[in-house]
């Protein structure tokens, strides 16, 4: 099960967070999302735990809790919807321009 975590303190590292989730069971992978330019944490990440019951217990026990002074939210990650488009970019306003 993939878990989404938000509200992480910026100084928390992946090794520390892996140990915290490891208290609930096996952690298959963990990734804290970082800013491309600065490399600094963006305050959220993902944990993958192979045993669903352990993942659900981690969510139940950690969601809304205090972690190093921050209130964190922990929930089952939702799959990103496939919109079929190229993604990103500038969307134009389709109104026709009037010239005077």
Protein backbone atom coordinates (compact mmCIF):
# COMPACT_ATOMS: atom_id res chain seq x y z
CA UNK A 1 0.00 0.00 0.00
CA UNK A 2 1.27 3.45 -0.91
CA UNK A 3 0.89 6.13 1.77
CA UNK A 4 0.92 9.91 1.31
CA UNK A 5 2.38 12.08 4.10
CA UNK A 6 2.11 15.86 4.25
CA UNK A 7 3.09 18.48 6.82
CA UNK A 8 6.58 17.06 7.29
CA UNK A 9 9.16 19.32 8.93
CA UNK A 10 11.65 20.41 6.29
CA UNK A 11 14.62 19.02 8.23
CA UNK A 12 13.29 15.42 8.40
CA UNK A 13 15.27 12.99 6.25
CA UNK A 14 14.26 9.79 4.50
CA UNK A 15 16.33 7.59 6.82
CA UNK A 16 14.61 8.98 9.92
CA UNK A 17 11.14 8.65 8.40
CA UNK A 18 11.86 5.09 7.25
CA UNK A 19 12.72 4.20 10.86
CA UNK A 20 9.47 5.78 12.12
CA UNK A 21 7.29 3.83 9.65
CA UNK A 22 9.43 0.75 10.28
CA UNK A 23 7.95 0.65 13.79
CA UNK A 24 4.69 -0.42 12.13
CA UNK A 25 6.17 -2.98 9.72
CA UNK A 26 8.31 -3.42 6.64
CA UNK A 27 8.94 -0.33 4.52
CA UNK A 28 9.44 -1.21 0.85
CA UNK A 29 10.27 2.34 -0.24
CA UNK A 30 10.10 5.90 1.02
CA UNK A 31 10.60 9.16 -0.82
CA UNK A 32 10.46 12.73 0.45
CA UNK A 33 9.68 15.08 -2.43
CA UNK A 34 12.30 17.79 -2.89
CA UNK A 35 12.46 21.08 -4.76
CA UNK A 36 14.27 20.62 -8.09
CA UNK A 37 16.32 23.78 -7.77
CA UNK A 38 17.20 23.92 -4.07
CA UNK A 39 17.05 20.23 -3.14
CA UNK A 40 15.12 21.20 0.01
CA UNK A 41 12.19 19.10 1.20
CA UNK A 42 8.77 20.28 0.03
CA UNK A 43 7.19 18.90 3.22
CA UNK A 44 5.50 15.82 1.78
CA UNK A 45 6.37 12.35 0.62
CA UNK A 46 5.33 8.78 -0.03
CA UNK A 47 5.89 5.51 1.82
CA UNK A 48 5.21 2.09 0.38
CA UNK A 49 4.48 -0.75 2.79
CA UNK A 50 3.88 -4.24 1.35
CA UNK A 51 1.57 -5.46 4.17
CA UNK A 52 -1.76 -3.62 3.97
CA UNK A 53 -2.68 -4.19 7.65
CA UNK A 54 0.61 -2.64 8.80
CA UNK A 55 0.15 0.32 6.46
CA UNK A 56 -3.40 0.92 7.72
CA UNK A 57 -2.17 0.80 11.33
CA UNK A 58 0.55 3.37 10.51
CA UNK A 59 -2.06 5.64 8.92
CA UNK A 60 -4.43 5.25 11.86
CA UNK A 61 -1.78 5.94 14.50
CA UNK A 62 0.12 8.74 12.74
CA UNK A 63 -2.56 10.78 10.94
CA UNK A 64 -3.11 14.11 12.69
CA UNK A 65 -0.23 13.52 15.05
CA UNK A 66 2.58 15.84 16.03
CA UNK A 67 5.93 15.16 14.38
CA UNK A 68 8.79 17.41 15.46
CA UNK A 69 6.38 20.27 16.07
CA UNK A 70 4.37 19.84 12.87
CA UNK A 71 0.91 18.34 12.57
CA UNK A 72 1.17 15.69 9.87
CA UNK A 73 -1.50 14.15 7.70
CA UNK A 74 -1.08 10.52 6.71
CA UNK A 75 -3.45 8.80 4.25
CA UNK A 76 -3.58 6.14 1.59
CA UNK A 77 -2.14 7.63 -1.59
CA UNK A 78 -4.59 8.10 -4.43
CA UNK A 79 -3.52 7.17 -7.93
CA UNK A 80 -2.91 10.19 -10.10
CA UNK A 81 -5.68 10.36 -12.69
CA UNK A 82 -4.57 9.92 -16.29
CA UNK A 83 -5.96 12.90 -18.14
CA UNK A 84 -4.57 11.72 -21.46
CA UNK A 85 -2.95 15.06 -22.20
CA UNK A 86 0.67 16.06 -22.40
CA UNK A 87 0.32 17.79 -19.03
CA UNK A 88 1.62 21.06 -17.75
CA UNK A 89 2.11 24.12 -19.81
CA UNK A 90 0.10 27.25 -20.51
CA UNK A 91 -3.59 27.07 -21.21
CA UNK A 92 -4.88 29.74 -23.50
CA UNK A 93 -8.13 31.50 -22.97
CA UNK A 94 -10.18 30.46 -26.00
CA UNK A 95 -12.04 33.76 -26.29
CA UNK A 96 -11.61 35.58 -29.55
CA UNK A 97 -9.93 38.92 -29.24
CA UNK A 98 -11.85 41.95 -30.42
CA UNK A 99 -9.94 44.56 -32.27
CA UNK A 100 -11.19 48.13 -32.37
